[in-house]
Amino acid sequence: MLLPPRGTAHIRRATALALVLSAALAGSLPAQAKDLKIGFSQVTLQSPFYVQLRDGARQAATQGGDTLVFLDANGDISKQNNDVQDLLTQKVDVLIINPVNPDAVGASLEAAKARHVPVIAVDRAINGEVATTIGRDNVKMGNLSGSALLAALKAKGVTSGKVIEIQGDAGGTVMQQRRKGFHQAFDGSGFTLIEGPYSEYMRANAVTAMQDLLQANPDVNAVVAHNDDMAMGALQVLKERGRQDVLVAGVDGLSEAIEAIGNGDQYVATALNDPTYLGQVAIDTARKLAAGQAVPPFVDAGTEVLTKANAGQVNHTSTFGEYRPAQ
C-alpha cells in the first residue's frame, strides 16, 4: 500500500530544512562580489586622465552587475570629505578615494572605519590607514622613459650634454617619484639635468617654461617632462624654433604623444599610464575586498615603455594608450 501524503510531507520538510541551513550558512559567509554598491570620491574631472579613470571604473562596475556611486570633489578637500560622508550615508560596500590632499582625508577614513567600510586609495596615495593603494610605480615610469631617452641620445652619438627637465607640481608625490626615476636613468651618464620650473602638468605652462629654458640653454640636447602634455608643449616650442635636433620624452602614454613617437624621430619615448585600466583594477580590487579576499598593501596596475619600435602596436584610439598586462 502506497502512502504518498506521508512521503510528500517528508520531502517538503527536508527541502525546507535545507533552505534554512543554506540561508544560515550564507549569512555567515563574507559578502560576495556581486550586487555591490561601490562609492568613488575623485579629486577632479578637470583632466582627461581623471575622466577616463571614472569611465573605466563605471564600465567595469556595470559589466559586473555592481553599482558605482561617483562624486567629483572638484579639487576642494572640504567638498571631498563631505562627499565621503554622503557616500557612507548611502551605505556603500567599498569606498574608493582619489584624494585632493593625501593628509586631509583623515576624518573620512575614521568615518569609513566606524562603519566597517574598506577604503581603497587610487592613483594617489593617502597618508592614513587604507585597505590598499592602487596605482603605478612612478619611479619605474620615470626611469623607463629616461632610459629610453638616454639610449636614443647615444644612438645619435651624443654621449654628454644637457637635458632639460620640465617638472609637475611642487611637492607632489608623483612629481617626486618621476623625477627620481629620471635622475636614476641619467645618473653617471655624462649628461647634466637642468631642472625647469613647476608647470603643473599643463601644456600652456610648459610652453612658457620651454621658451625661457631654451633661451637660457641653447646647447640643450634633450627635454624630459613629468607628463606627455608638458612634453608636447616643449616639442611645440622646439619645432617653432627649428630645433628638431633636440629629443623629447614624457610619461603617461597620451595618444598624441604616441602618434608623435610613431611618426617621427624627435619625440622618442613615453611610459603607459592607462587610466581606464586603472579604474578597472580598482573595481576588481573592491570586489575582492568585499568577498573577504586578501589584497596586498599596494596593487601595481602596470606600465610599459613605448618607443618607435612598439608605439604602433598599442591601441590609442582614446585619449591615452591602452595598457594590457601580458597574459
Protein backbone atom coordinates (compact mmCIF):
# COMPACT_ATOMS: atom_id res chain seq x y z
CA MET A 1 0.00 0.00 0.00
CA LEU A 2 1.37 3.40 -1.08
CA LEU A 3 1.36 6.36 1.29
CA PRO A 4 2.08 9.38 -0.92
CA PRO A 5 0.92 12.04 1.54
CA ARG A 6 3.43 10.96 4.16
CA GLY A 7 6.29 10.75 1.59
CA THR A 8 5.42 14.16 0.15
CA ALA A 9 5.41 15.75 3.60
CA HIS A 10 8.79 14.21 4.34
CA ILE A 11 10.24 15.69 1.15
CA ARG A 12 8.74 19.10 1.93
CA ARG A 13 10.24 19.09 5.44
CA ALA A 14 13.67 18.06 4.12
CA THR A 15 13.57 20.78 1.45
CA ALA A 16 12.57 23.43 3.98
CA LEU A 17 15.36 22.35 6.35
CA ALA A 18 17.91 22.54 3.51
CA LEU A 19 16.77 26.07 2.65
CA VAL A 20 17.06 27.19 6.27
CA LEU A 21 20.57 25.74 6.57
CA SER A 22 21.57 27.32 3.26
CA ALA A 23 20.34 30.74 4.39
CA ALA A 24 22.15 30.43 7.70
CA LEU A 25 25.39 29.48 6.04
CA ALA A 26 25.08 32.30 3.51
CA GLY A 27 24.66 34.78 6.34
CA SER A 28 27.90 33.61 7.93
CA LEU A 29 29.99 33.97 4.75
CA PRO A 30 31.78 37.15 3.61
CA ALA A 31 29.84 39.45 1.26
CA GLN A 32 30.07 38.13 -2.26
CA ALA A 33 31.47 40.24 -5.08
CA LYS A 34 28.14 40.86 -6.76
CA ASP A 35 25.36 43.41 -6.47
CA LEU A 36 27.78 45.73 -4.69
CA LYS A 37 27.37 49.45 -4.16
CA ILE A 38 30.82 51.00 -4.63
CA GLY A 39 31.46 54.62 -3.72
CA PHE A 40 34.06 56.65 -5.62
CA SER A 41 35.21 60.10 -4.47
CA GLN A 42 37.53 61.63 -7.04
CA VAL A 43 39.78 64.67 -6.87
CA THR A 44 38.53 66.33 -10.08
CA LEU A 45 37.18 65.83 -13.58
CA GLN A 46 39.16 68.79 -14.95
CA SER A 47 41.57 66.42 -16.68
CA PRO A 48 41.13 63.80 -19.43
CA PHE A 49 43.06 61.35 -17.25
CA TYR A 50 40.52 61.53 -14.44
CA VAL A 51 37.56 61.41 -16.81
CA GLN A 52 38.87 58.14 -18.22
CA LEU A 53 39.63 56.83 -14.72
CA ARG A 54 35.97 57.37 -13.79
CA ASP A 55 34.73 55.87 -17.06
CA GLY A 56 36.91 52.78 -16.65
CA ALA A 57 35.59 52.20 -13.13
CA ARG A 58 31.99 52.80 -14.17
CA GLN A 59 32.24 50.42 -17.13
CA ALA A 60 33.80 47.68 -15.02
CA ALA A 61 31.17 48.06 -12.29
CA THR A 62 28.29 47.94 -14.77
CA GLN A 63 29.65 44.92 -16.60
CA GLY A 64 29.89 43.03 -13.31
CA GLY A 65 26.37 43.92 -12.19
CA ASP A 66 27.52 46.35 -9.50
CA THR A 67 26.58 50.00 -8.89
CA LEU A 68 29.15 52.80 -8.87
CA VAL A 69 28.17 55.94 -6.99
CA PHE A 70 30.57 58.63 -8.22
CA LEU A 71 31.14 62.11 -6.74
CA ASP A 72 33.55 64.78 -8.02
CA ALA A 73 35.36 66.84 -5.36
CA ASN A 74 36.33 69.45 -7.96
CA GLY A 75 39.69 69.96 -6.26
CA ASP A 76 38.09 71.00 -2.94
CA ILE A 77 39.13 68.97 0.10
CA SER A 78 36.14 70.16 2.16
CA LYS A 79 33.79 69.01 -0.57
CA GLN A 80 35.62 65.68 -0.77
CA ASN A 81 35.20 65.00 2.94
CA ASN A 82 31.52 65.90 2.66
CA ASP A 83 31.20 63.67 -0.40
CA VAL A 84 32.65 60.73 1.51
CA GLN A 85 30.12 61.27 4.32
CA ASP A 86 27.39 61.28 1.66
CA LEU A 87 28.65 58.03 0.16
CA LEU A 88 28.80 56.37 3.59
CA THR A 89 25.25 57.53 4.30
CA GLN A 90 24.24 55.76 1.09
CA LYS A 91 25.66 52.57 2.65
CA VAL A 92 28.33 51.76 0.09
CA ASP A 93 30.07 48.40 0.49
CA VAL A 94 33.52 49.67 -0.50
CA LEU A 95 34.89 53.20 -0.81
CA ILE A 96 37.41 54.34 -3.45
CA ILE A 97 39.15 57.67 -2.84
CA ASN A 98 41.36 59.62 -5.23
CA PRO A 99 42.41 62.27 -2.70
CA VAL A 100 42.66 66.02 -3.23
CA ASN A 101 45.23 66.05 -0.44
CA PRO A 102 46.82 62.88 1.00
CA ASP A 103 46.88 64.35 4.52
CA ALA A 104 43.41 65.91 4.68
CA VAL A 105 41.04 62.95 4.45
CA GLY A 106 41.69 61.59 7.93
CA ALA A 107 38.15 62.33 9.10
CA SER A 108 36.80 60.44 6.11
CA LEU A 109 38.95 57.42 6.93
CA GLU A 110 37.73 57.41 10.52
CA ALA A 111 34.11 57.63 9.40
CA ALA A 112 34.59 54.71 6.99
CA LYS A 113 36.31 52.66 9.68
CA ALA A 114 33.44 53.26 12.11
CA ARG A 115 31.05 51.86 9.50
CA HIS A 116 33.38 48.94 8.65
CA VAL A 117 33.70 50.09 5.04
CA PRO A 118 37.08 49.26 3.46
CA VAL A 119 38.84 52.16 1.74
CA ILE A 120 40.89 51.96 -1.45
CA ALA A 121 43.22 54.79 -2.44
CA VAL A 122 43.56 55.04 -6.22
CA ASP A 123 46.20 56.85 -8.32
CA ARG A 124 47.31 58.99 -5.37
CA ALA A 125 48.38 57.61 -2.01
CA ILE A 126 46.65 58.57 1.25
CA ASN A 127 48.64 59.15 4.40
CA GLY A 128 46.45 57.05 6.64
CA GLU A 129 45.08 53.56 7.16
CA VAL A 130 43.57 52.16 3.97
CA ALA A 131 42.88 48.61 2.81
CA THR A 132 45.14 49.06 -0.21
CA THR A 133 46.52 51.61 -2.68
CA ILE A 134 46.12 51.09 -6.43
CA GLY A 135 48.44 52.92 -8.73
CA ARG A 136 51.60 52.65 -10.73
CA ASP A 137 55.28 52.74 -9.92
CA ASN A 138 56.07 56.32 -10.90
CA VAL A 139 59.78 55.87 -10.20
CA LYS A 140 59.78 53.00 -12.67
CA MET A 141 57.87 55.02 -15.27
CA GLY A 142 60.31 57.91 -14.98
CA ASN A 143 63.24 55.52 -15.21
CA LEU A 144 61.85 53.69 -18.25
CA SER A 145 61.21 56.90 -20.16
CA GLY A 146 64.53 58.44 -19.12
CA SER A 147 66.48 55.31 -20.03
CA ALA A 148 64.84 55.20 -23.48
CA LEU A 149 65.73 58.87 -24.00
CA LEU A 150 69.34 58.20 -22.98
CA ALA A 151 69.51 55.27 -25.41
CA ALA A 152 68.18 57.47 -28.21
CA LEU A 153 70.81 60.12 -27.48
CA LYS A 154 73.58 57.53 -27.55
CA ALA A 155 72.22 56.11 -30.81
CA LYS A 156 72.78 59.57 -32.30
CA GLY A 157 76.34 59.55 -30.99
CA VAL A 158 75.58 62.10 -28.25
CA THR A 159 77.21 60.89 -25.03
CA SER A 160 77.21 64.05 -22.91
CA GLY A 161 75.45 67.40 -22.67
CA LYS A 162 72.31 68.95 -21.19
CA VAL A 163 68.84 67.54 -20.59
CA ILE A 164 66.08 69.93 -19.52
CA GLU A 165 63.55 68.52 -17.05
CA ILE A 166 60.10 70.13 -17.01
CA GLN A 167 58.53 69.36 -13.64
CA GLY A 168 54.95 68.73 -12.49
CA ASP A 169 53.60 70.19 -9.23
CA ALA A 170 55.70 71.40 -6.32
CA GLY A 171 55.74 68.85 -3.51
CA GLY A 172 53.57 66.30 -5.32
CA THR A 173 54.45 62.64 -4.74
CA VAL A 174 54.03 61.78 -8.43
CA MET A 175 56.40 64.59 -9.37
CA GLN A 176 58.95 63.48 -6.79
CA GLN A 177 58.83 59.85 -7.89
CA ARG A 178 59.03 60.55 -11.62
CA ARG A 179 61.89 62.97 -11.02
CA LYS A 180 63.68 60.27 -9.02
CA GLY A 181 63.26 57.81 -11.88
CA PHE A 182 64.55 60.27 -14.47
CA HIS A 183 67.55 61.12 -12.34
CA GLN A 184 68.33 57.45 -11.78
CA ALA A 185 68.35 56.91 -15.54
CA PHE A 186 70.84 59.71 -16.16
CA ASP A 187 72.99 59.23 -13.07
CA GLY A 188 76.63 58.89 -14.14
CA SER A 189 75.70 59.17 -17.83
CA GLY A 190 77.71 62.28 -18.62
CA PHE A 191 74.56 64.40 -19.02
CA THR A 192 73.53 67.25 -16.75
CA LEU A 193 69.85 67.56 -15.82
CA ILE A 194 68.57 71.14 -15.81
CA GLU A 195 65.52 71.30 -13.53
CA GLY A 196 62.93 73.61 -15.04
CA PRO A 197 60.05 75.33 -13.22
CA TYR A 198 56.97 73.52 -11.95
CA SER A 199 54.47 73.63 -14.78
CA GLU A 200 51.54 71.86 -13.04
CA TYR A 201 51.30 69.19 -15.75
CA MET A 202 49.78 71.80 -18.09
CA ARG A 203 50.87 72.24 -21.72
CA ALA A 204 50.44 76.02 -21.76
CA ASN A 205 52.69 76.40 -18.72
CA ALA A 206 55.29 74.11 -20.30
CA VAL A 207 55.31 76.21 -23.49
CA THR A 208 56.16 79.33 -21.50
CA ALA A 209 58.77 77.46 -19.45
CA MET A 210 60.38 75.94 -22.54
CA GLN A 211 60.68 79.30 -24.27
CA ASP A 212 62.70 80.65 -21.35
CA LEU A 213 64.70 77.44 -20.84
CA LEU A 214 65.69 77.24 -24.49
CA GLN A 215 66.88 80.80 -24.48
CA ALA A 216 68.97 80.16 -21.38
CA ASN A 217 70.25 76.78 -22.63
CA PRO A 218 70.65 76.93 -26.42
CA ASP A 219 73.06 73.98 -26.27
CA VAL A 220 70.41 71.61 -24.85
CA ASN A 221 70.37 68.06 -26.23
CA ALA A 222 67.06 66.74 -24.90
CA VAL A 223 63.94 67.50 -22.87
CA VAL A 224 62.18 65.18 -20.45
CA ALA A 225 58.85 66.13 -18.86
CA HIS A 226 56.84 64.69 -15.99
CA ASN A 227 53.90 64.09 -18.32
CA ASP A 228 53.27 63.95 -22.05
CA ASP A 229 51.10 67.06 -22.12
CA MET A 230 54.04 69.18 -20.94
CA ALA A 231 56.40 67.29 -23.25
CA MET A 232 54.12 68.12 -26.20
CA GLY A 233 54.28 71.78 -25.19
CA ALA A 234 58.08 71.61 -25.20
CA LEU A 235 58.02 69.89 -28.58
CA GLN A 236 55.86 72.69 -29.96
CA VAL A 237 58.40 75.32 -28.93
CA LEU A 238 61.32 73.31 -30.31
CA LYS A 239 59.63 72.94 -33.69
CA GLU A 240 58.76 76.64 -33.79
CA ARG A 241 62.43 77.44 -33.19
CA GLY A 242 63.66 74.94 -35.77
CA ARG A 243 65.28 72.72 -33.13
CA GLN A 244 64.47 69.27 -34.47
CA ASP A 245 67.84 68.13 -33.12
CA VAL A 246 66.56 68.19 -29.51
CA LEU A 247 64.99 64.89 -28.41
CA VAL A 248 61.87 64.74 -26.20
CA ALA A 249 60.38 62.16 -23.78
CA GLY A 250 57.44 62.15 -21.38
CA VAL A 251 55.20 59.92 -19.27
CA ASP A 252 51.54 58.80 -19.38
CA GLY A 253 51.06 57.41 -22.88
CA LEU A 254 48.99 60.33 -24.17
CA SER A 255 47.67 59.28 -27.60
CA GLU A 256 49.02 62.44 -29.20
CA ALA A 257 52.47 61.59 -27.88
CA ILE A 258 52.21 58.01 -29.14
CA GLU A 259 51.39 59.39 -32.61
CA ALA A 260 54.42 61.70 -32.43
CA ILE A 261 56.66 58.79 -31.40
CA GLY A 262 55.43 56.59 -34.24
CA ASN A 263 55.58 59.26 -36.92
CA GLY A 264 58.91 60.95 -36.21
CA ASP A 265 62.34 60.81 -34.63
CA GLN A 266 62.20 63.71 -32.17
CA TYR A 267 59.66 62.52 -29.59
CA VAL A 268 61.31 59.26 -28.61
CA ALA A 269 59.63 57.75 -25.52
CA THR A 270 56.77 57.65 -23.04
CA ALA A 271 55.55 55.20 -20.38
CA LEU A 272 51.94 53.97 -20.36
CA ASN A 273 49.66 55.14 -17.55
CA ASP A 274 46.29 53.94 -18.87
CA PRO A 275 43.57 55.48 -16.61
CA THR A 276 40.78 53.26 -17.96
CA TYR A 277 42.61 50.13 -16.92
CA LEU A 278 43.41 51.73 -13.55
CA GLY A 279 39.68 52.20 -12.96
CA GLN A 280 39.01 48.57 -13.90
CA VAL A 281 41.65 47.35 -11.45
CA ALA A 282 40.06 49.50 -8.72
CA ILE A 283 36.68 47.82 -9.20
CA ASP A 284 38.21 44.34 -9.35
CA THR A 285 40.04 45.05 -6.09
CA ALA A 286 36.84 46.37 -4.47
CA ARG A 287 35.14 43.06 -5.29
CA LYS A 288 37.99 41.10 -3.74
CA LEU A 289 37.79 43.12 -0.54
CA ALA A 290 34.02 42.68 -0.38
CA ALA A 291 34.48 38.94 -0.76
CA GLY A 292 36.92 38.86 2.13
CA GLN A 293 39.93 38.05 -0.03
CA ALA A 294 43.44 39.15 0.95
CA VAL A 295 44.72 42.16 -1.01
CA PRO A 296 48.32 43.44 -0.89
CA PRO A 297 49.02 46.94 0.51
CA PHE A 298 49.92 48.17 -2.99
CA VAL A 299 48.37 46.95 -6.23
CA ASP A 300 50.54 47.88 -9.21
CA ALA A 301 48.40 48.46 -12.31
CA GLY A 302 51.49 48.09 -14.51
CA THR A 303 53.23 50.11 -17.22
CA GLU A 304 55.24 49.71 -20.41
CA VAL A 305 57.74 51.96 -22.16
CA LEU A 306 56.84 53.00 -25.72
CA THR A 307 59.39 53.90 -28.37
CA LYS A 308 59.21 53.97 -32.15
CA ALA A 309 59.80 50.21 -32.13
CA ASN A 310 56.49 49.38 -30.41
CA ALA A 311 54.31 52.53 -30.44
CA GLY A 312 52.34 51.25 -33.41
CA GLN A 313 51.34 48.10 -31.53
CA VAL A 314 49.39 49.97 -28.85
CA ASN A 315 45.72 50.84 -29.23
CA HIS A 316 45.45 54.61 -28.72
CA THR A 317 42.06 55.45 -30.19
CA SER A 318 41.12 57.06 -26.87
CA THR A 319 42.93 59.94 -25.12
CA PHE A 320 45.53 57.58 -23.65
CA GLY A 321 47.20 54.46 -24.94
CA GLU A 322 45.73 51.19 -23.77
CA TYR A 323 47.75 49.10 -21.35
CA ARG A 324 47.08 45.40 -21.05
CA PRO A 325 49.29 43.09 -18.98
CA ALA A 326 50.97 40.16 -20.69
CA GLN A 327 48.86 37.03 -20.44
